[in-house]
Amino acid sequence: MCRLHIINGLPFTGAAASNAELHKYGHYSAPYWVAESIRASRHYTTDLAAADVIFVKDYCLITSIIAMYHSGAYSDGWEPLAQLGLAYKIIAKSARYKRRNGADYVFFSPHAVAGLGGYIETACNMFKSALHIVAEASQRYVCGYVQPEARDNLLVVPYASPHLEEEPQPGPKHNRDIHFYFHGGCAPNDSEGSYGYRMRAYIVKRIQQLKLRDASVTCTSDRPVVSHAVIRQEMRRAVFCLLLPGDTASSSRLTEIVLAGCIPVFLGPPWHAQPLAARLRYPDFSVFFQLDALSHLGGASLGVPHEPLAGQAASSVWDQQWYAPICS
């Protein structure tokens, strides 16, 4: 049972303590839903010898690790990390794994923090032939590869979004009274925040200066008490939704915007990630607007490289200051 709050890492209390379902409505719950879809498929089997693909369901342990990391209580000796490492070693010793050196196995890492506690070394060595599904394009660098094509066994997918199973259908076109929409966290231009957050603050300020009647473009500091449900409702009222990177290149907003029937507007560089770009034609349902003067954001060198600099340590990528090129 996953009963830790995904953000603060603390055990649930009160009524939530008996609700073991809460985890599956979270930001990092995509592996859970993939596993459930596989289980519901007519192709599902528990016979490892007969299976064509084996999806490794390490979701609960990784969810616990993410929660503890966000709470600041993480340590390398923490029990779920040890349990995860032991499980991986058992998998690697199995006859089914040795049949094709793990090429039939699939791992889903919904957050870069899942690379802690030796997971990187395990993924790059023990499971280097397996398919690794990730939520951030920067995770493709964990094995030290610089060129994206060198990691054909990495698949970047969208984040899940809380409580999307409760979403009503998008409203009809004539109910969309907001032309441009954005609401999210920002950082002042002179702050230590990520490029994405600083870029958000700059863009929101410039659009607000235009005083457009049909635009709702705000930072959380402008409207500090806005629930996620309200944000999703506003997206369903909007024609165009701005999609900006934040503290990482990707976000759950891409999922929410598409399901709200709002047209994504990518502003960059740095660009918000485009998961599954090799399989989806984003220009068919999105708008791209290039910003050619990032120097206005402040700072001496705000140009964001598309690839790590020569000799850049892979560990620096985990600081998540890198943003993938538009075709990642």
C-alpha atoms as a PDB file:
ATOM      1  CA  MET A   1       0.000   0.000   0.000  1.00  0.00           C
ATOM      2  CA  CYS A   2       1.304   3.490  -0.901  1.00  0.00           C
ATOM      3  CA  ARG A   3       0.064   5.667   1.965  1.00  0.00           C
ATOM      4  CA  LEU A   4       2.641   8.445   1.998  1.00  0.00           C
ATOM      5  CA  HIS A   5       1.800  11.925   0.773  1.00  0.00           C
ATOM      6  CA  ILE A   6       3.653  12.316  -2.524  1.00  0.00           C
ATOM      7  CA  ILE A   7       4.845  15.849  -1.727  1.00  0.00           C
ATOM      8  CA  ASN A   8       5.541  16.006   2.000  1.00  0.00           C
ATOM      9  CA  GLY A   9       6.330  12.318   2.460  1.00  0.00           C
ATOM     10  CA  LEU A  10       4.284  12.121   5.652  1.00  0.00           C
ATOM     11  CA  PRO A  11       1.764   9.375   6.413  1.00  0.00           C
ATOM     12  CA  PHE A  12      -1.838  10.270   5.698  1.00  0.00           C
ATOM     13  CA  THR A  13      -3.974  11.047   8.748  1.00  0.00           C
ATOM     14  CA  GLY A  14      -7.693  11.032   9.470  1.00  0.00           C
ATOM     15  CA  ALA A  15      -9.984   9.719   6.742  1.00  0.00           C
ATOM     16  CA  ALA A  16      -7.140   9.758   4.220  1.00  0.00           C
ATOM     17  CA  ALA A  17      -5.204   7.218   6.293  1.00  0.00           C
ATOM     18  CA  SER A  18      -7.700   4.497   5.388  1.00  0.00           C
ATOM     19  CA  ASN A  19      -7.845   5.510   1.729  1.00  0.00           C
ATOM     20  CA  ALA A  20      -5.199   3.433  -0.003  1.00  0.00           C
ATOM     21  CA  GLU A  21      -6.368   4.732  -3.388  1.00  0.00           C
ATOM     22  CA  LEU A  22      -5.065   8.301  -3.049  1.00  0.00           C
ATOM     23  CA  HIS A  23      -1.689   7.588  -4.616  1.00  0.00           C
ATOM     24  CA  LYS A  24      -3.156   6.780  -8.030  1.00  0.00           C
ATOM     25  CA  TYR A  25      -4.520  10.310  -8.445  1.00  0.00           C
ATOM     26  CA  GLY A  26      -1.094  11.917  -8.144  1.00  0.00           C
ATOM     27  CA  HIS A  27       1.311  13.686 -10.465  1.00  0.00           C
ATOM     28  CA  TYR A  28       3.617  10.657 -10.714  1.00  0.00           C
ATOM     29  CA  SER A  29       0.996   7.923 -10.972  1.00  0.00           C
ATOM     30  CA  ALA A  30       1.394   7.044 -14.668  1.00  0.00           C
ATOM     31  CA  PRO A  31       3.176   3.713 -13.934  1.00  0.00           C
ATOM     32  CA  TYR A  32       0.166   2.620 -11.881  1.00  0.00           C
ATOM     33  CA  TRP A  33      -2.234   3.268 -14.758  1.00  0.00           C
ATOM     34  CA  VAL A  34       0.044   1.543 -17.265  1.00  0.00           C
ATOM     35  CA  ALA A  35       0.168  -1.530 -15.029  1.00  0.00           C
ATOM     36  CA  GLU A  36      -3.619  -1.497 -14.645  1.00  0.00           C
ATOM     37  CA  SER A  37      -4.080  -1.234 -18.413  1.00  0.00           C
ATOM     38  CA  ILE A  38      -1.763  -4.173 -18.970  1.00  0.00           C
ATOM     39  CA  ARG A  39      -3.608  -6.207 -16.359  1.00  0.00           C
ATOM     40  CA  ALA A  40      -6.931  -5.479 -18.083  1.00  0.00           C
ATOM     41  CA  SER A  41      -5.612  -6.438 -21.517  1.00  0.00           C
ATOM     42  CA  ARG A  42      -6.576  -9.735 -23.134  1.00  0.00           C
ATOM     43  CA  HIS A  43      -2.865 -10.213 -23.809  1.00  0.00           C
ATOM     44  CA  TYR A  44      -1.967 -10.134 -20.108  1.00  0.00           C
ATOM     45  CA  THR A  45      -0.320 -13.229 -18.671  1.00  0.00           C
ATOM     46  CA  THR A  46       1.384 -14.162 -15.424  1.00  0.00           C
ATOM     47  CA  ASP A  47       3.543 -16.706 -17.261  1.00  0.00           C
ATOM     48  CA  LEU A  48       6.962 -15.067 -17.491  1.00  0.00           C
ATOM     49  CA  ALA A  49       8.240 -17.698 -19.900  1.00  0.00           C
ATOM     50  CA  ALA A  50       5.405 -17.023 -22.345  1.00  0.00           C
ATOM     51  CA  ALA A  51       5.334 -13.217 -22.034  1.00  0.00           C
ATOM     52  CA  ASP A  52       6.736 -11.138 -24.882  1.00  0.00           C
ATOM     53  CA  VAL A  53       7.257  -8.095 -22.629  1.00  0.00           C
ATOM     54  CA  ILE A  54       7.615  -7.873 -18.845  1.00  0.00           C
ATOM     55  CA  PHE A  55       6.545  -4.597 -17.204  1.00  0.00           C
ATOM     56  CA  VAL A  56       8.343  -4.219 -13.864  1.00  0.00           C
ATOM     57  CA  LYS A  57       5.862  -2.850 -11.332  1.00  0.00           C
ATOM     58  CA  ASP A  58       8.163  -1.097  -8.861  1.00  0.00           C
ATOM     59  CA  TYR A  59       5.683   1.759  -8.574  1.00  0.00           C
ATOM     60  CA  CYS A  60       4.938   1.616  -4.849  1.00  0.00           C
ATOM     61  CA  LEU A  61       8.583   1.600  -3.784  1.00  0.00           C
ATOM     62  CA  ILE A  62       9.467   4.410  -6.189  1.00  0.00           C
ATOM     63  CA  THR A  63       6.432   6.409  -5.013  1.00  0.00           C
ATOM     64  CA  SER A  64       7.689   6.077  -1.437  1.00  0.00           C
ATOM     65  CA  ILE A  65      11.162   7.212  -2.493  1.00  0.00           C
ATOM     66  CA  ILE A  66       9.741  10.266  -4.293  1.00  0.00           C
ATOM     67  CA  ALA A  67       7.631  11.186  -1.265  1.00  0.00           C
ATOM     68  CA  MET A  68      10.527  10.896   1.152  1.00  0.00           C
ATOM     69  CA  TYR A  69      12.782  12.920  -1.155  1.00  0.00           C
ATOM     70  CA  HIS A  70      10.247  15.738  -1.382  1.00  0.00           C
ATOM     71  CA  SER A  71       9.858  15.746   2.392  1.00  0.00           C
ATOM     72  CA  GLY A  72      13.600  16.116   2.911  1.00  0.00           C
ATOM     73  CA  ALA A  73      13.717  12.823   4.808  1.00  0.00           C
ATOM     74  CA  TYR A  74      15.588  10.910   2.109  1.00  0.00           C
ATOM     75  CA  SER A  75      18.748   8.955   2.935  1.00  0.00           C
ATOM     76  CA  ASP A  76      20.744   6.372   0.992  1.00  0.00           C
ATOM     77  CA  GLY A  77      20.123   3.764   3.672  1.00  0.00           C
ATOM     78  CA  TRP A  78      16.352   4.106   3.589  1.00  0.00           C
ATOM     79  CA  GLU A  79      14.529   0.755   3.504  1.00  0.00           C
ATOM     80  CA  PRO A  80      12.563   1.131   0.215  1.00  0.00           C
ATOM     81  CA  LEU A  81      15.835   1.803  -1.615  1.00  0.00           C
ATOM     82  CA  ALA A  82      17.321  -1.393  -0.229  1.00  0.00           C
ATOM     83  CA  GLN A  83      14.166  -3.318  -1.149  1.00  0.00           C
ATOM     84  CA  LEU A  84      14.246  -1.906  -4.666  1.00  0.00           C
ATOM     85  CA  GLY A  85      17.894  -2.849  -5.134  1.00  0.00           C
ATOM     86  CA  LEU A  86      17.248  -6.387  -3.900  1.00  0.00           C
ATOM     87  CA  ALA A  87      14.282  -6.795  -6.249  1.00  0.00           C
ATOM     88  CA  TYR A  88      16.366  -5.674  -9.223  1.00  0.00           C
ATOM     89  CA  LYS A  89      19.123  -8.154  -8.382  1.00  0.00           C
ATOM     90  CA  ILE A  90      16.580 -10.976  -8.212  1.00  0.00           C
ATOM     91  CA  ILE A  91      15.223  -9.970 -11.626  1.00  0.00           C
ATOM     92  CA  ALA A  92      18.711  -9.882 -13.158  1.00  0.00           C
ATOM     93  CA  LYS A  93      19.447 -13.405 -11.919  1.00  0.00           C
ATOM     94  CA  SER A  94      16.255 -14.910 -13.339  1.00  0.00           C
ATOM     95  CA  ALA A  95      16.298 -17.260 -16.314  1.00  0.00           C
ATOM     96  CA  ARG A  96      13.744 -15.108 -18.135  1.00  0.00           C
ATOM     97  CA  TYR A  97      15.926 -12.041 -17.821  1.00  0.00           C
ATOM     98  CA  LYS A  98      19.001 -13.892 -19.060  1.00  0.00           C
ATOM     99  CA  ARG A  99      17.158 -15.127 -22.163  1.00  0.00           C
ATOM    100  CA  ARG A 100      17.704 -11.782 -23.939  1.00  0.00           C
ATOM    101  CA  ASN A 101      19.813  -9.939 -21.371  1.00  0.00           C
ATOM    102  CA  GLY A 102      16.774  -8.017 -20.157  1.00  0.00           C
ATOM    103  CA  ALA A 103      15.728  -6.667 -23.565  1.00  0.00           C
ATOM    104  CA  ASP A 104      12.128  -7.794 -22.940  1.00  0.00           C
ATOM    105  CA  TYR A 105      11.826  -5.820 -19.675  1.00  0.00           C
ATOM    106  CA  VAL A 106      10.229  -2.387 -19.270  1.00  0.00           C
ATOM    107  CA  PHE A 107      10.848   0.047 -16.394  1.00  0.00           C
ATOM    108  CA  PHE A 108       8.847   3.233 -15.791  1.00  0.00           C
ATOM    109  CA  SER A 109      10.582   6.014 -13.849  1.00  0.00           C
ATOM    110  CA  PRO A 110       8.008   8.839 -13.383  1.00  0.00           C
ATOM    111  CA  HIS A 111      10.383  11.270 -11.683  1.00  0.00           C
ATOM    112  CA  ALA A 112      14.101  12.009 -11.937  1.00  0.00           C
ATOM    113  CA  VAL A 113      14.483  11.399  -8.210  1.00  0.00           C
ATOM    114  CA  ALA A 114      13.998   7.698  -8.919  1.00  0.00           C
ATOM    115  CA  GLY A 115      17.615   7.789 -10.055  1.00  0.00           C
ATOM    116  CA  LEU A 116      18.814   8.044  -6.451  1.00  0.00           C
ATOM    117  CA  GLY A 117      20.277   5.292  -4.367  1.00  0.00           C
ATOM    118  CA  GLY A 118      22.159   3.455  -7.103  1.00  0.00           C
ATOM    119  CA  TYR A 119      19.250   3.266  -9.541  1.00  0.00           C
ATOM    120  CA  ILE A 120      21.322   5.047 -12.204  1.00  0.00           C
ATOM    121  CA  GLU A 121      24.099   2.484 -12.055  1.00  0.00           C
ATOM    122  CA  THR A 122      21.550  -0.324 -12.105  1.00  0.00           C
ATOM    123  CA  ALA A 123      19.672   1.065 -15.099  1.00  0.00           C
ATOM    124  CA  CYS A 124      22.838   1.787 -17.080  1.00  0.00           C
ATOM    125  CA  ASN A 125      24.569  -1.504 -16.402  1.00  0.00           C
ATOM    126  CA  MET A 126      22.298  -4.295 -15.222  1.00  0.00           C
ATOM    127  CA  PHE A 127      19.279  -3.129 -17.244  1.00  0.00           C
ATOM    128  CA  LYS A 128      20.946  -1.324 -20.134  1.00  0.00           C
ATOM    129  CA  SER A 129      19.086  -3.451 -22.710  1.00  0.00           C
ATOM    130  CA  ALA A 130      15.650  -2.845 -21.176  1.00  0.00           C
ATOM    131  CA  LEU A 131      13.188  -0.147 -22.246  1.00  0.00           C
ATOM    132  CA  HIS A 132      13.165   2.759 -19.784  1.00  0.00           C
ATOM    133  CA  ILE A 133      10.055   4.958 -19.825  1.00  0.00           C
ATOM    134  CA  VAL A 134      10.763   8.376 -18.302  1.00  0.00           C
ATOM    135  CA  ALA A 135       8.890  11.601 -17.638  1.00  0.00           C
ATOM    136  CA  GLU A 136      11.762  14.011 -18.255  1.00  0.00           C
ATOM    137  CA  ALA A 137      13.901  14.130 -21.383  1.00  0.00           C
ATOM    138  CA  SER A 138      16.923  14.991 -19.224  1.00  0.00           C
ATOM    139  CA  GLN A 139      16.785  11.468 -17.825  1.00  0.00           C
ATOM    140  CA  ARG A 140      18.201  10.235 -21.120  1.00  0.00           C
ATOM    141  CA  TYR A 141      21.607  11.484 -19.953  1.00  0.00           C
ATOM    142  CA  VAL A 142      21.830   9.293 -16.881  1.00  0.00           C
ATOM    143  CA  CYS A 143      24.198   6.846 -18.547  1.00  0.00           C
ATOM    144  CA  GLY A 144      26.546   9.528 -19.799  1.00  0.00           C
ATOM    145  CA  TYR A 145      25.294   9.527 -23.374  1.00  0.00           C
ATOM    146  CA  VAL A 146      25.223  12.960 -24.992  1.00  0.00           C
ATOM    147  CA  GLN A 147      23.445  12.268 -28.268  1.00  0.00           C
ATOM    148  CA  PRO A 148      19.722  11.497 -27.893  1.00  0.00           C
ATOM    149  CA  GLU A 149      19.835   8.840 -30.611  1.00  0.00           C
ATOM    150  CA  ALA A 150      22.319   6.872 -28.507  1.00  0.00           C
ATOM    151  CA  ARG A 151      19.493   6.029 -26.131  1.00  0.00           C
ATOM    152  CA  ASP A 152      16.897   4.361 -28.328  1.00  0.00           C
ATOM    153  CA  ASN A 153      15.662   2.433 -25.300  1.00  0.00           C
ATOM    154  CA  LEU A 154      14.472   5.599 -23.527  1.00  0.00           C
ATOM    155  CA  LEU A 155      10.883   6.706 -24.117  1.00  0.00           C
ATOM    156  CA  VAL A 156       9.746  10.137 -22.869  1.00  0.00           C
ATOM    157  CA  VAL A 157       6.035  10.181 -21.972  1.00  0.00           C
ATOM    158  CA  PRO A 158       3.653  12.770 -20.454  1.00  0.00           C
ATOM    159  CA  TYR A 159       3.099  13.200 -16.743  1.00  0.00           C
ATOM    160  CA  ALA A 160      -0.156  12.081 -15.219  1.00  0.00           C
ATOM    161  CA  SER A 161      -2.401  14.741 -13.731  1.00  0.00           C
ATOM    162  CA  PRO A 162      -4.339  14.608 -10.455  1.00  0.00           C
ATOM    163  CA  HIS A 163      -7.967  13.502 -10.618  1.00  0.00           C
ATOM    164  CA  LEU A 164      -8.305  13.550 -14.397  1.00  0.00           C
ATOM    165  CA  GLU A 165     -10.716  10.624 -14.120  1.00  0.00           C
ATOM    166  CA  GLU A 166     -13.219  13.125 -12.714  1.00  0.00           C
ATOM    167  CA  GLU A 167     -12.885  15.548 -15.629  1.00  0.00           C
ATOM    168  CA  PRO A 168     -16.126  16.465 -17.412  1.00  0.00           C
ATOM    169  CA  GLN A 169     -16.098  16.753 -21.184  1.00  0.00           C
ATOM    170  CA  PRO A 170     -14.713  20.027 -22.598  1.00  0.00           C
ATOM    171  CA  GLY A 171     -17.414  22.631 -23.132  1.00  0.00           C
ATOM    172  CA  PRO A 172     -18.683  23.590 -26.585  1.00  0.00           C
ATOM    173  CA  LYS A 173     -16.754  26.156 -28.541  1.00  0.00           C
ATOM    174  CA  HIS A 174     -19.168  29.028 -27.799  1.00  0.00           C
ATOM    175  CA  ASN A 175     -18.556  28.603 -24.057  1.00  0.00           C
ATOM    176  CA  ARG A 176     -14.845  29.339 -24.405  1.00  0.00           C
ATOM    177  CA  ASP A 177     -14.768  32.929 -23.212  1.00  0.00           C
ATOM    178  CA  ILE A 178     -11.020  33.022 -22.433  1.00  0.00           C
ATOM    179  CA  HIS A 179      -8.789  33.517 -25.470  1.00  0.00           C
ATOM    180  CA  PHE A 180      -5.336  33.082 -23.859  1.00  0.00           C
ATOM    181  CA  TYR A 181      -4.821  31.250 -20.581  1.00  0.00           C
ATOM    182  CA  PHE A 182      -1.950  30.500 -18.222  1.00  0.00           C
ATOM    183  CA  HIS A 183      -1.700  30.058 -14.471  1.00  0.00           C
ATOM    184  CA  GLY A 184       1.366  28.628 -12.774  1.00  0.00           C
ATOM    185  CA  GLY A 185       4.372  29.178 -10.581  1.00  0.00           C
ATOM    186  CA  CYS A 186       6.850  31.878 -11.621  1.00  0.00           C
ATOM    187  CA  ALA A 187      10.108  33.309 -10.310  1.00  0.00           C
ATOM    188  CA  PRO A 188      11.379  36.906 -10.384  1.00  0.00           C
ATOM    189  CA  ASN A 189      13.904  37.620 -13.124  1.00  0.00           C
ATOM    190  CA  ASP A 190      16.688  38.219 -10.609  1.00  0.00           C
ATOM    191  CA  SER A 191      15.973  35.082  -8.590  1.00  0.00           C
ATOM    192  CA  GLU A 192      17.838  31.800  -8.429  1.00  0.00           C
ATOM    193  CA  GLY A 193      14.844  30.020  -9.917  1.00  0.00           C
ATOM    194  CA  SER A 194      15.058  27.864 -13.009  1.00  0.00           C
ATOM    195  CA  TYR A 195      15.119  29.341 -16.487  1.00  0.00           C
ATOM    196  CA  GLY A 196      11.570  28.136 -17.014  1.00  0.00           C
ATOM    197  CA  TYR A 197      10.163  29.898 -13.943  1.00  0.00           C
ATOM    198  CA  ARG A 198      12.002  33.105 -14.788  1.00  0.00           C
ATOM    199  CA  MET A 199      10.731  32.923 -18.341  1.00  0.00           C
ATOM    200  CA  ARG A 200       7.172  32.495 -17.045  1.00  0.00           C
ATOM    201  CA  ALA A 201       7.424  35.643 -14.940  1.00  0.00           C
ATOM    202  CA  TYR A 202       8.705  37.631 -17.913  1.00  0.00           C
ATOM    203  CA  ILE A 203       5.993  36.416 -20.307  1.00  0.00           C
ATOM    204  CA  VAL A 204       3.150  36.894 -17.816  1.00  0.00           C
ATOM    205  CA  LYS A 205       4.307  40.454 -17.103  1.00  0.00           C
ATOM    206  CA  ARG A 206       4.523  41.337 -20.807  1.00  0.00           C
ATOM    207  CA  ILE A 207       1.102  39.892 -21.641  1.00  0.00           C
ATOM    208  CA  GLN A 208      -0.510  41.601 -18.656  1.00  0.00           C
ATOM    209  CA  GLN A 209       0.883  44.911 -19.926  1.00  0.00           C
ATOM    210  CA  LEU A 210      -1.152  44.423 -23.120  1.00  0.00           C
ATOM    211  CA  LYS A 211      -4.348  44.508 -21.023  1.00  0.00           C
ATOM    212  CA  LEU A 212      -6.197  42.055 -23.257  1.00  0.00           C
ATOM    213  CA  ARG A 213      -9.832  41.703 -22.197  1.00  0.00           C
ATOM    214  CA  ASP A 214     -10.048  38.010 -23.083  1.00  0.00           C
ATOM    215  CA  ALA A 215      -6.715  36.906 -21.592  1.00  0.00           C
ATOM    216  CA  SER A 216      -6.235  35.247 -18.216  1.00  0.00           C
ATOM    217  CA  VAL A 217      -2.468  34.977 -17.761  1.00  0.00           C
ATOM    218  CA  THR A 218      -1.287  34.916 -14.150  1.00  0.00           C
ATOM    219  CA  CYS A 219       1.383  33.625 -11.791  1.00  0.00           C
ATOM    220  CA  THR A 220       0.485  31.910  -8.548  1.00  0.00           C
ATOM    221  CA  SER A 221       1.719  35.029  -6.744  1.00  0.00           C
ATOM    222  CA  ASP A 222      -1.052  36.987  -8.519  1.00  0.00           C
ATOM    223  CA  ARG A 223      -3.751  34.493  -7.484  1.00  0.00           C
ATOM    224  CA  PRO A 224      -2.250  32.560  -4.570  1.00  0.00           C
ATOM    225  CA  VAL A 225      -5.367  30.582  -3.599  1.00  0.00           C
ATOM    226  CA  VAL A 226      -6.521  28.738  -6.712  1.00  0.00           C
ATOM    227  CA  SER A 227      -7.332  25.041  -6.552  1.00  0.00           C
ATOM    228  CA  HIS A 228      -6.245  22.588  -9.194  1.00  0.00           C
ATOM    229  CA  ALA A 229      -9.917  21.937  -9.982  1.00  0.00           C
ATOM    230  CA  VAL A 230     -10.482  25.634 -10.730  1.00  0.00           C
ATOM    231  CA  ILE A 231      -7.428  25.732 -13.003  1.00  0.00           C
ATOM    232  CA  ARG A 232      -8.757  22.764 -14.976  1.00  0.00           C
ATOM    233  CA  GLN A 233     -12.173  24.432 -15.272  1.00  0.00           C
ATOM    234  CA  GLU A 234     -10.552  27.593 -16.608  1.00  0.00           C
ATOM    235  CA  MET A 235      -8.608  25.582 -19.179  1.00  0.00           C
ATOM    236  CA  ARG A 236     -11.888  24.173 -20.462  1.00  0.00           C
ATOM    237  CA  ARG A 237     -13.096  27.756 -20.977  1.00  0.00           C
ATOM    238  CA  ALA A 238      -9.969  28.748 -22.935  1.00  0.00           C
ATOM    239  CA  VAL A 239      -9.202  28.642 -26.652  1.00  0.00           C
ATOM    240  CA  PHE A 240      -5.396  28.856 -26.356  1.00  0.00           C
ATOM    241  CA  CYS A 241      -3.381  27.677 -23.335  1.00  0.00           C
ATOM    242  CA  LEU A 242       0.233  28.790 -22.949  1.00  0.00           C
ATOM    243  CA  LEU A 243       2.610  25.901 -22.285  1.00  0.00           C
ATOM    244  CA  LEU A 244       5.824  27.006 -20.597  1.00  0.00           C
ATOM    245  CA  PRO A 245       8.598  25.004 -18.944  1.00  0.00           C
ATOM    246  CA  GLY A 246       8.877  25.302 -15.186  1.00  0.00           C
ATOM    247  CA  ASP A 247      11.452  23.911 -12.786  1.00  0.00           C
ATOM    248  CA  THR A 248      11.775  21.058 -15.285  1.00  0.00           C
ATOM    249  CA  ALA A 249      11.176  20.834 -19.016  1.00  0.00           C
ATOM    250  CA  SER A 250       7.937  18.886 -18.699  1.00  0.00           C
ATOM    251  CA  SER A 251       4.764  19.265 -16.643  1.00  0.00           C
ATOM    252  CA  SER A 252       1.303  17.812 -16.130  1.00  0.00           C
ATOM    253  CA  ARG A 253      -0.147  20.889 -17.832  1.00  0.00           C
ATOM    254  CA  LEU A 254       0.428  19.373 -21.274  1.00  0.00           C
ATOM    255  CA  THR A 255      -1.859  16.465 -20.383  1.00  0.00           C
ATOM    256  CA  GLU A 256      -4.445  18.776 -18.832  1.00  0.00           C
ATOM    257  CA  ILE A 257      -4.463  21.224 -21.740  1.00  0.00           C
ATOM    258  CA  VAL A 258      -4.977  18.533 -24.362  1.00  0.00           C
ATOM    259  CA  LEU A 259      -7.761  16.831 -22.409  1.00  0.00           C
ATOM    260  CA  ALA A 260      -9.426  20.205 -21.812  1.00  0.00           C
ATOM    261  CA  GLY A 261      -9.675  20.726 -25.556  1.00  0.00           C
ATOM    262  CA  CYS A 262      -7.509  23.838 -25.332  1.00  0.00           C
ATOM    263  CA  ILE A 263      -4.971  24.530 -28.107  1.00  0.00           C
ATOM    264  CA  PRO A 264      -1.418  24.283 -26.685  1.00  0.00           C
ATOM    265  CA  VAL A 265       0.808  27.284 -27.377  1.00  0.00           C
ATOM    266  CA  PHE A 266       4.498  26.431 -26.959  1.00  0.00           C
ATOM    267  CA  LEU A 267       6.702  29.441 -26.201  1.00  0.00           C
ATOM    268  CA  GLY A 268      10.463  29.082 -26.341  1.00  0.00           C
ATOM    269  CA  PRO A 269      13.290  28.419 -26.244  1.00  0.00           C
ATOM    270  CA  PRO A 270      13.593  26.939 -23.731  1.00  0.00           C
ATOM    271  CA  TRP A 271      10.682  24.818 -24.864  1.00  0.00           C
ATOM    272  CA  HIS A 272       8.321  22.795 -22.791  1.00  0.00           C
ATOM    273  CA  ALA A 273       8.978  19.123 -23.556  1.00  0.00           C
ATOM    274  CA  GLN A 274       6.967  17.301 -26.210  1.00  0.00           C
ATOM    275  CA  PRO A 275       6.702  13.699 -25.034  1.00  0.00           C
ATOM    276  CA  LEU A 276       6.281  11.002 -27.676  1.00  0.00           C
ATOM    277  CA  ALA A 277       7.302  13.560 -30.320  1.00  0.00           C
ATOM    278  CA  ALA A 278       8.547  10.787 -32.613  1.00  0.00           C
ATOM    279  CA  ARG A 279       4.989   9.424 -32.696  1.00  0.00           C
ATOM    280  CA  LEU A 280       2.853  12.571 -32.361  1.00  0.00           C
ATOM    281  CA  ARG A 281       2.706  15.475 -34.810  1.00  0.00           C
ATOM    282  CA  TYR A 282       2.561  18.365 -32.363  1.00  0.00           C
ATOM    283  CA  PRO A 283       2.313  21.040 -35.103  1.00  0.00           C
ATOM    284  CA  ASP A 284      -1.004  19.473 -36.153  1.00  0.00           C
ATOM    285  CA  PHE A 285      -2.703  20.471 -32.885  1.00  0.00           C
ATOM    286  CA  SER A 286      -0.403  23.111 -31.361  1.00  0.00           C
ATOM    287  CA  VAL A 287       0.960  26.587 -31.989  1.00  0.00           C
ATOM    288  CA  PHE A 288       4.674  27.412 -31.654  1.00  0.00           C
ATOM    289  CA  PHE A 289       5.910  30.900 -30.908  1.00  0.00           C
ATOM    290  CA  GLN A 290       9.647  31.546 -30.753  1.00  0.00           C
ATOM    291  CA  LEU A 291      11.160  33.957 -28.269  1.00  0.00           C
ATOM    292  CA  ASP A 292      14.357  35.309 -29.785  1.00  0.00           C
ATOM    293  CA  ALA A 293      15.598  37.526 -26.961  1.00  0.00           C
ATOM    294  CA  LEU A 294      15.999  35.591 -23.734  1.00  0.00           C
ATOM    295  CA  SER A 295      18.451  38.239 -22.536  1.00  0.00           C
ATOM    296  CA  HIS A 296      15.426  40.260 -21.410  1.00  0.00           C
ATOM    297  CA  LEU A 297      14.994  37.729 -18.627  1.00  0.00           C
ATOM    298  CA  GLY A 298      18.076  39.117 -16.936  1.00  0.00           C
ATOM    299  CA  GLY A 299      21.402  37.471 -16.250  1.00  0.00           C
ATOM    300  CA  ALA A 300      24.508  37.291 -18.385  1.00  0.00           C
ATOM    301  CA  SER A 301      24.066  33.896 -20.038  1.00  0.00           C
ATOM    302  CA  LEU A 302      20.461  32.777 -20.173  1.00  0.00           C
ATOM    303  CA  GLY A 303      20.803  30.890 -23.450  1.00  0.00           C
ATOM    304  CA  VAL A 304      19.951  27.291 -22.577  1.00  0.00           C
ATOM    305  CA  PRO A 305      22.094  24.674 -24.362  1.00  0.00           C
ATOM    306  CA  HIS A 306      20.170  21.850 -25.973  1.00  0.00           C
ATOM    307  CA  GLU A 307      22.840  19.368 -24.906  1.00  0.00           C
ATOM    308  CA  PRO A 308      25.222  19.279 -21.924  1.00  0.00           C
ATOM    309  CA  LEU A 309      28.555  20.992 -22.462  1.00  0.00           C
ATOM    310  CA  ALA A 310      31.550  18.820 -23.283  1.00  0.00           C
ATOM    311  CA  GLY A 311      32.705  17.083 -20.128  1.00  0.00           C
ATOM    312  CA  GLN A 312      29.529  18.017 -18.266  1.00  0.00           C
ATOM    313  CA  ALA A 313      28.943  15.528 -15.471  1.00  0.00           C
ATOM    314  CA  ALA A 314      25.722  13.558 -15.752  1.00  0.00           C
ATOM    315  CA  SER A 315      24.953  14.424 -12.132  1.00  0.00           C
ATOM    316  CA  SER A 316      24.524  18.070 -13.108  1.00  0.00           C
ATOM    317  CA  VAL A 317      21.648  17.073 -15.319  1.00  0.00           C
ATOM    318  CA  TRP A 318      19.764  15.995 -12.216  1.00  0.00           C
ATOM    319  CA  ASP A 319      19.694  19.653 -11.222  1.00  0.00           C
ATOM    320  CA  GLN A 320      17.252  19.843 -14.156  1.00  0.00           C
ATOM    321  CA  GLN A 321      18.545  23.069 -15.628  1.00  0.00           C
ATOM    322  CA  TRP A 322      18.714  21.504 -19.093  1.00  0.00           C
ATOM    323  CA  TYR A 323      15.839  21.678 -21.530  1.00  0.00           C
ATOM    324  CA  ALA A 324      15.494  19.339 -24.456  1.00  0.00           C
ATOM    325  CA  PRO A 325      15.423  20.499 -28.085  1.00  0.00           C
ATOM    326  CA  ILE A 326      12.019  20.821 -29.679  1.00  0.00           C
ATOM    327  CA  CYS A 327      12.185  17.387 -31.307  1.00  0.00           C
ATOM    328  CA  SER A 328      13.085  15.420 -28.175  1.00  0.00           C
END
